[in-house]
Amino acid sequence: MPASIRRELDASGLMQAFNERPPYQRNDYLHWIARSVRAATKRKRIDQMLEELKAGGVYMRMEHRPRKRTR
């Protein structure tokens, strides 16, 4: 994870919410942000990720219901 994204998650208090997401979602968010060419696009994508983590139940603007762990 890039240090800049880690700082964003720490500052917003959303690191735990990020870590609770399945690995594929965490990777999708990080790669999606990294593929940004323009700074404005990168900022927009970071903001979207933070909003979705804060709201919960949303992933890439789609409804996401976390699976219940059965252990």
PDB file of N, CA and C in Angstrom:
ATOM      1  N   MET A   1       0.847  -1.175   0.000  1.00  0.00           N
ATOM      2  CA  MET A   1       0.000   0.000   0.000  1.00  0.00           C
ATOM      3  C   MET A   1       0.894   1.240   0.000  1.00  0.00           C
ATOM      4  N   PRO A   2       0.628   2.173  -0.903  1.00  0.00           N
ATOM      5  CA  PRO A   2       1.412   3.405  -0.909  1.00  0.00           C
ATOM      6  C   PRO A   2       1.238   4.183   0.400  1.00  0.00           C
ATOM      7  N   ALA A   3       2.296   4.813   0.833  1.00  0.00           N
ATOM      8  CA  ALA A   3       2.268   5.570   2.087  1.00  0.00           C
ATOM      9  C   ALA A   3       1.201   6.666   2.060  1.00  0.00           C
ATOM     10  N   SER A   4       0.979   7.264   0.901  1.00  0.00           N
ATOM     11  CA  SER A   4      -0.017   8.343   0.815  1.00  0.00           C
ATOM     12  C   SER A   4      -1.431   7.820   1.089  1.00  0.00           C
ATOM     13  N   ILE A   5      -1.729   6.628   0.610  1.00  0.00           N
ATOM     14  CA  ILE A   5      -3.047   6.034   0.849  1.00  0.00           C
ATOM     15  C   ILE A   5      -3.168   5.634   2.317  1.00  0.00           C
ATOM     16  N   ARG A   6      -2.100   5.081   2.869  1.00  0.00           N
ATOM     17  CA  ARG A   6      -2.099   4.710   4.293  1.00  0.00           C
ATOM     18  C   ARG A   6      -2.376   5.941   5.160  1.00  0.00           C
ATOM     19  N   ARG A   7      -1.747   7.052   4.817  1.00  0.00           N
ATOM     20  CA  ARG A   7      -1.984   8.296   5.584  1.00  0.00           C
ATOM     21  C   ARG A   7      -3.436   8.739   5.475  1.00  0.00           C
ATOM     22  N   GLU A   8      -4.009   8.635   4.278  1.00  0.00           N
ATOM     23  CA  GLU A   8      -5.423   9.012   4.071  1.00  0.00           C
ATOM     24  C   GLU A   8      -6.338   8.145   4.936  1.00  0.00           C
ATOM     25  N   LEU A   9      -6.091   6.846   4.941  1.00  0.00           N
ATOM     26  CA  LEU A   9      -6.924   5.924   5.716  1.00  0.00           C
ATOM     27  C   LEU A   9      -6.752   6.163   7.213  1.00  0.00           C
ATOM     28  N   ASP A  10      -5.516   6.377   7.648  1.00  0.00           N
ATOM     29  CA  ASP A  10      -5.258   6.654   9.067  1.00  0.00           C
ATOM     30  C   ASP A  10      -5.912   7.965   9.498  1.00  0.00           C
ATOM     31  N   ALA A  11      -5.739   9.002   8.688  1.00  0.00           N
ATOM     32  CA  ALA A  11      -6.282  10.322   9.032  1.00  0.00           C
ATOM     33  C   ALA A  11      -7.803  10.315   9.109  1.00  0.00           C
ATOM     34  N   SER A  12      -8.424   9.493   8.273  1.00  0.00           N
ATOM     35  CA  SER A  12      -9.888   9.447   8.254  1.00  0.00           C
ATOM     36  C   SER A  12     -10.450   8.414   9.228  1.00  0.00           C
ATOM     37  N   GLY A  13      -9.559   7.643   9.863  1.00  0.00           N
ATOM     38  CA  GLY A  13     -10.019   6.619  10.799  1.00  0.00           C
ATOM     39  C   GLY A  13     -10.669   5.427  10.114  1.00  0.00           C
ATOM     40  N   LEU A  14     -10.307   5.191   8.855  1.00  0.00           N
ATOM     41  CA  LEU A  14     -10.958   4.131   8.075  1.00  0.00           C
ATOM     42  C   LEU A  14     -10.050   2.944   7.760  1.00  0.00           C
ATOM     43  N   MET A  15      -8.891   2.879   8.394  1.00  0.00           N
ATOM     44  CA  MET A  15      -7.978   1.769   8.124  1.00  0.00           C
ATOM     45  C   MET A  15      -8.624   0.430   8.491  1.00  0.00           C
ATOM     46  N   GLN A  16      -9.315   0.370   9.603  1.00  0.00           N
ATOM     47  CA  GLN A  16      -9.958  -0.882  10.001  1.00  0.00           C
ATOM     48  C   GLN A  16     -11.025  -1.280   8.987  1.00  0.00           C
ATOM     49  N   ALA A  17     -11.824  -0.321   8.542  1.00  0.00           N
ATOM     50  CA  ALA A  17     -12.855  -0.624   7.537  1.00  0.00           C
ATOM     51  C   ALA A  17     -12.209  -1.139   6.254  1.00  0.00           C
ATOM     52  N   PHE A  18     -11.082  -0.566   5.872  1.00  0.00           N
ATOM     53  CA  PHE A  18     -10.358  -1.025   4.689  1.00  0.00           C
ATOM     54  C   PHE A  18      -9.878  -2.458   4.888  1.00  0.00           C
ATOM     55  N   ASN A  19      -9.281  -2.730   6.036  1.00  0.00           N
ATOM     56  CA  ASN A  19      -8.736  -4.062   6.313  1.00  0.00           C
ATOM     57  C   ASN A  19      -9.820  -5.130   6.444  1.00  0.00           C
ATOM     58  N   GLU A  20     -11.033  -4.728   6.759  1.00  0.00           N
ATOM     59  CA  GLU A  20     -12.132  -5.678   6.876  1.00  0.00           C
ATOM     60  C   GLU A  20     -12.706  -6.077   5.520  1.00  0.00           C
ATOM     61  N   ARG A  21     -12.354  -5.338   4.487  1.00  0.00           N
ATOM     62  CA  ARG A  21     -12.817  -5.692   3.144  1.00  0.00           C
ATOM     63  C   ARG A  21     -12.077  -6.927   2.651  1.00  0.00           C
ATOM     64  N   PRO A  22     -12.691  -7.703   1.760  1.00  0.00           N
ATOM     65  CA  PRO A  22     -12.001  -8.867   1.195  1.00  0.00           C
ATOM     66  C   PRO A  22     -10.754  -8.417   0.428  1.00  0.00           C
ATOM     67  N   PRO A  23      -9.755  -9.279   0.340  1.00  0.00           N
ATOM     68  CA  PRO A  23      -8.521  -8.906  -0.359  1.00  0.00           C
ATOM     69  C   PRO A  23      -8.738  -8.388  -1.782  1.00  0.00           C
ATOM     70  N   TYR A  24      -9.677  -8.991  -2.527  1.00  0.00           N
ATOM     71  CA  TYR A  24      -9.879  -8.523  -3.897  1.00  0.00           C
ATOM     72  C   TYR A  24     -10.355  -7.078  -3.935  1.00  0.00           C
ATOM     73  N   GLN A  25     -11.167  -6.660  -2.966  1.00  0.00           N
ATOM     74  CA  GLN A  25     -11.627  -5.272  -2.945  1.00  0.00           C
ATOM     75  C   GLN A  25     -10.496  -4.326  -2.575  1.00  0.00           C
ATOM     76  N   ARG A  26      -9.701  -4.708  -1.594  1.00  0.00           N
ATOM     77  CA  ARG A  26      -8.563  -3.857  -1.210  1.00  0.00           C
ATOM     78  C   ARG A  26      -7.633  -3.672  -2.407  1.00  0.00           C
ATOM     79  N   ASN A  27      -7.331  -4.771  -3.097  1.00  0.00           N
ATOM     80  CA  ASN A  27      -6.458  -4.688  -4.269  1.00  0.00           C
ATOM     81  C   ASN A  27      -7.086  -3.859  -5.379  1.00  0.00           C
ATOM     82  N   ASP A  28      -8.374  -4.061  -5.616  1.00  0.00           N
ATOM     83  CA  ASP A  28      -9.059  -3.264  -6.647  1.00  0.00           C
ATOM     84  C   ASP A  28      -8.950  -1.782  -6.359  1.00  0.00           C
ATOM     85  N   TYR A  29      -9.238  -1.380  -5.144  1.00  0.00           N
ATOM     86  CA  TYR A  29      -9.147   0.042  -4.784  1.00  0.00           C
ATOM     87  C   TYR A  29      -7.735   0.575  -5.029  1.00  0.00           C
ATOM     88  N   LEU A  30      -6.728  -0.123  -4.534  1.00  0.00           N
ATOM     89  CA  LEU A  30      -5.351   0.357  -4.648  1.00  0.00           C
ATOM     90  C   LEU A  30      -4.891   0.432  -6.099  1.00  0.00           C
ATOM     91  N   HIS A  31      -5.203  -0.577  -6.891  1.00  0.00           N
ATOM     92  CA  HIS A  31      -4.789  -0.556  -8.301  1.00  0.00           C
ATOM     93  C   HIS A  31      -5.564   0.485  -9.094  1.00  0.00           C
ATOM     94  N   TRP A  32      -6.833   0.643  -8.788  1.00  0.00           N
ATOM     95  CA  TRP A  32      -7.669   1.641  -9.464  1.00  0.00           C
ATOM     96  C   TRP A  32      -7.117   3.039  -9.223  1.00  0.00           C
ATOM     97  N   ILE A  33      -6.745   3.311  -7.985  1.00  0.00           N
ATOM     98  CA  ILE A  33      -6.172   4.617  -7.652  1.00  0.00           C
ATOM     99  C   ILE A  33      -4.812   4.785  -8.324  1.00  0.00           C
ATOM    100  N   ALA A  34      -3.986   3.746  -8.289  1.00  0.00           N
ATOM    101  CA  ALA A  34      -2.639   3.818  -8.869  1.00  0.00           C
ATOM    102  C   ALA A  34      -2.669   4.045 -10.376  1.00  0.00           C
ATOM    103  N   ARG A  35      -3.716   3.586 -11.052  1.00  0.00           N
ATOM    104  CA  ARG A  35      -3.811   3.759 -12.505  1.00  0.00           C
ATOM    105  C   ARG A  35      -4.190   5.180 -12.909  1.00  0.00           C
ATOM    106  N   SER A  36      -4.481   6.032 -11.953  1.00  0.00           N
ATOM    107  CA  SER A  36      -4.845   7.414 -12.265  1.00  0.00           C
ATOM    108  C   SER A  36      -3.658   8.133 -12.899  1.00  0.00           C
ATOM    109  N   VAL A  37      -3.933   8.868 -13.944  1.00  0.00           N
ATOM    110  CA  VAL A  37      -2.893   9.649 -14.606  1.00  0.00           C
ATOM    111  C   VAL A  37      -2.890  11.070 -14.055  1.00  0.00           C
ATOM    112  N   ARG A  38      -4.057  11.654 -13.999  1.00  0.00           N
ATOM    113  CA  ARG A  38      -4.170  13.038 -13.531  1.00  0.00           C
ATOM    114  C   ARG A  38      -4.352  13.080 -12.021  1.00  0.00           C
ATOM    115  N   ALA A  39      -3.795  14.092 -11.384  1.00  0.00           N
ATOM    116  CA  ALA A  39      -3.913  14.258  -9.931  1.00  0.00           C
ATOM    117  C   ALA A  39      -5.378  14.409  -9.521  1.00  0.00           C
ATOM    118  N   ALA A  40      -6.160  15.099 -10.340  1.00  0.00           N
ATOM    119  CA  ALA A  40      -7.574  15.302 -10.011  1.00  0.00           C
ATOM    120  C   ALA A  40      -8.330  13.975 -10.011  1.00  0.00           C
ATOM    121  N   THR A  41      -7.986  13.101 -10.933  1.00  0.00           N
ATOM    122  CA  THR A  41      -8.630  11.787 -10.991  1.00  0.00           C
ATOM    123  C   THR A  41      -8.234  10.955  -9.782  1.00  0.00           C
ATOM    124  N   LYS A  42      -6.964  11.012  -9.420  1.00  0.00           N
ATOM    125  CA  LYS A  42      -6.494  10.273  -8.248  1.00  0.00           C
ATOM    126  C   LYS A  42      -7.230  10.737  -7.002  1.00  0.00           C
ATOM    127  N   ARG A  43      -7.365  12.050  -6.835  1.00  0.00           N
ATOM    128  CA  ARG A  43      -8.069  12.608  -5.682  1.00  0.00           C
ATOM    129  C   ARG A  43      -9.515  12.150  -5.668  1.00  0.00           C
ATOM    130  N   LYS A  44     -10.167  12.173  -6.823  1.00  0.00           N
ATOM    131  CA  LYS A  44     -11.566  11.751  -6.930  1.00  0.00           C
ATOM    132  C   LYS A  44     -11.721  10.287  -6.529  1.00  0.00           C
ATOM    133  N   ARG A  45     -10.803   9.436  -6.964  1.00  0.00           N
ATOM    134  CA  ARG A  45     -10.881   8.014  -6.648  1.00  0.00           C
ATOM    135  C   ARG A  45     -10.606   7.750  -5.164  1.00  0.00           C
ATOM    136  N   ILE A  46      -9.654   8.466  -4.603  1.00  0.00           N
ATOM    137  CA  ILE A  46      -9.387   8.323  -3.161  1.00  0.00           C
ATOM    138  C   ILE A  46     -10.619   8.738  -2.377  1.00  0.00           C
ATOM    139  N   ASP A  47     -11.201   9.853  -2.748  1.00  0.00           N
ATOM    140  CA  ASP A  47     -12.404  10.328  -2.050  1.00  0.00           C
ATOM    141  C   ASP A  47     -13.547   9.323  -2.164  1.00  0.00           C
ATOM    142  N   GLN A  48     -13.713   8.724  -3.339  1.00  0.00           N
ATOM    143  CA  GLN A  48     -14.775   7.730  -3.510  1.00  0.00           C
ATOM    144  C   GLN A  48     -14.524   6.525  -2.611  1.00  0.00           C
ATOM    145  N   MET A  49     -13.283   6.053  -2.568  1.00  0.00           N
ATOM    146  CA  MET A  49     -12.958   4.913  -1.708  1.00  0.00           C
ATOM    147  C   MET A  49     -13.262   5.243  -0.248  1.00  0.00           C
ATOM    148  N   LEU A  50     -12.837   6.417   0.203  1.00  0.00           N
ATOM    149  CA  LEU A  50     -13.070   6.808   1.596  1.00  0.00           C
ATOM    150  C   LEU A  50     -14.566   6.908   1.898  1.00  0.00           C
ATOM    151  N   GLU A  51     -15.324   7.489   0.988  1.00  0.00           N
ATOM    152  CA  GLU A  51     -16.776   7.600   1.175  1.00  0.00           C
ATOM    153  C   GLU A  51     -17.431   6.223   1.268  1.00  0.00           C
ATOM    154  N   GLU A  52     -17.010   5.318   0.413  1.00  0.00           N
ATOM    155  CA  GLU A  52     -17.596   3.976   0.408  1.00  0.00           C
ATOM    156  C   GLU A  52     -17.221   3.204   1.673  1.00  0.00           C
ATOM    157  N   LEU A  53     -15.991   3.360   2.129  1.00  0.00           N
ATOM    158  CA  LEU A  53     -15.588   2.699   3.369  1.00  0.00           C
ATOM    159  C   LEU A  53     -16.361   3.257   4.554  1.00  0.00           C
ATOM    160  N   LYS A  54     -16.553   4.564   4.559  1.00  0.00           N
ATOM    161  CA  LYS A  54     -17.290   5.203   5.649  1.00  0.00           C
ATOM    162  C   LYS A  54     -18.751   4.773   5.650  1.00  0.00           C
ATOM    163  N   ALA A  55     -19.351   4.715   4.475  1.00  0.00           N
ATOM    164  CA  ALA A  55     -20.764   4.352   4.367  1.00  0.00           C
ATOM    165  C   ALA A  55     -20.982   2.875   4.672  1.00  0.00           C
ATOM    166  N   GLY A  56     -20.035   2.036   4.258  1.00  0.00           N
ATOM    167  CA  GLY A  56     -20.213   0.597   4.402  1.00  0.00           C
ATOM    168  C   GLY A  56     -21.278   0.112   3.438  1.00  0.00           C
ATOM    169  N   GLY A  57     -21.217  -1.144   3.076  1.00  0.00           N
ATOM    170  CA  GLY A  57     -22.228  -1.713   2.198  1.00  0.00           C
ATOM    171  C   GLY A  57     -22.160  -1.240   0.765  1.00  0.00           C
ATOM    172  N   VAL A  58     -21.060  -0.543   0.394  1.00  0.00           N
ATOM    173  CA  VAL A  58     -20.902  -0.053  -0.970  1.00  0.00           C
ATOM    174  C   VAL A  58     -19.486  -0.395  -1.438  1.00  0.00           C
ATOM    175  N   TYR A  59     -19.395  -0.872  -2.671  1.00  0.00           N
ATOM    176  CA  TYR A  59     -18.094  -1.172  -3.279  1.00  0.00           C
ATOM    177  C   TYR A  59     -18.165  -0.781  -4.740  1.00  0.00           C
ATOM    178  N   MET A  60     -17.350   0.146  -5.154  1.00  0.00           N
ATOM    179  CA  MET A  60     -17.320   0.648  -6.530  1.00  0.00           C
ATOM    180  C   MET A  60     -18.715   1.059  -6.995  1.00  0.00           C
ATOM    181  N   ARG A  61     -19.380   1.782  -6.120  1.00  0.00           N
ATOM    182  CA  ARG A  61     -20.727   2.309  -6.360  1.00  0.00           C
ATOM    183  C   ARG A  61     -21.800   1.231  -6.531  1.00  0.00           C
ATOM    184  N   MET A  62     -21.492   0.026  -6.070  1.00  0.00           N
ATOM    185  CA  MET A  62     -22.471  -1.060  -6.115  1.00  0.00           C
ATOM    186  C   MET A  62     -22.739  -1.517  -4.687  1.00  0.00           C
ATOM    187  N   GLU A  63     -23.918  -2.039  -4.479  1.00  0.00           N
ATOM    188  CA  GLU A  63     -24.243  -2.576  -3.164  1.00  0.00           C
ATOM    189  C   GLU A  63     -23.326  -3.744  -2.867  1.00  0.00           C
ATOM    190  N   HIS A  64     -22.828  -3.784  -1.662  1.00  0.00           N
ATOM    191  CA  HIS A  64     -21.943  -4.871  -1.235  1.00  0.00           C
ATOM    192  C   HIS A  64     -22.335  -5.295   0.168  1.00  0.00           C
ATOM    193  N   ARG A  65     -22.725  -6.527   0.295  1.00  0.00           N
ATOM    194  CA  ARG A  65     -23.050  -7.075   1.607  1.00  0.00           C
ATOM    195  C   ARG A  65     -21.927  -8.023   2.001  1.00  0.00           C
ATOM    196  N   PRO A  66     -21.224  -7.696   3.073  1.00  0.00           N
ATOM    197  CA  PRO A  66     -20.134  -8.580   3.491  1.00  0.00           C
ATOM    198  C   PRO A  66     -20.656  -9.963   3.848  1.00  0.00           C
ATOM    199  N   ARG A  67     -19.876 -10.970   3.526  1.00  0.00           N
ATOM    200  CA  ARG A  67     -20.235 -12.327   3.891  1.00  0.00           C
ATOM    201  C   ARG A  67     -20.002 -12.519   5.381  1.00  0.00           C
ATOM    202  N   LYS A  68     -20.864 -13.295   5.987  1.00  0.00           N
ATOM    203  CA  LYS A  68     -20.672 -13.621   7.397  1.00  0.00           C
ATOM    204  C   LYS A  68     -19.687 -14.768   7.482  1.00  0.00           C
ATOM    205  N   ARG A  69     -18.731 -14.613   8.356  1.00  0.00           N
ATOM    206  CA  ARG A  69     -17.742 -15.669   8.547  1.00  0.00           C
ATOM    207  C   ARG A  69     -18.344 -16.783   9.384  1.00  0.00           C
ATOM    208  N   THR A  70     -18.101 -17.994   8.955  1.00  0.00           N
ATOM    209  CA  THR A  70     -18.627 -19.158   9.675  1.00  0.00           C
ATOM    210  C   THR A  70     -17.462 -19.980  10.198  1.00  0.00           C
ATOM    211  N   ARG A  71     -17.004 -19.620  11.358  1.00  0.00           N
ATOM    212  CA  ARG A  71     -15.910 -20.364  11.996  1.00  0.00           C
ATOM    213  C   ARG A  71     -16.211 -20.579  13.431  1.00  0.00           C
TER     214      ARG A  71
END
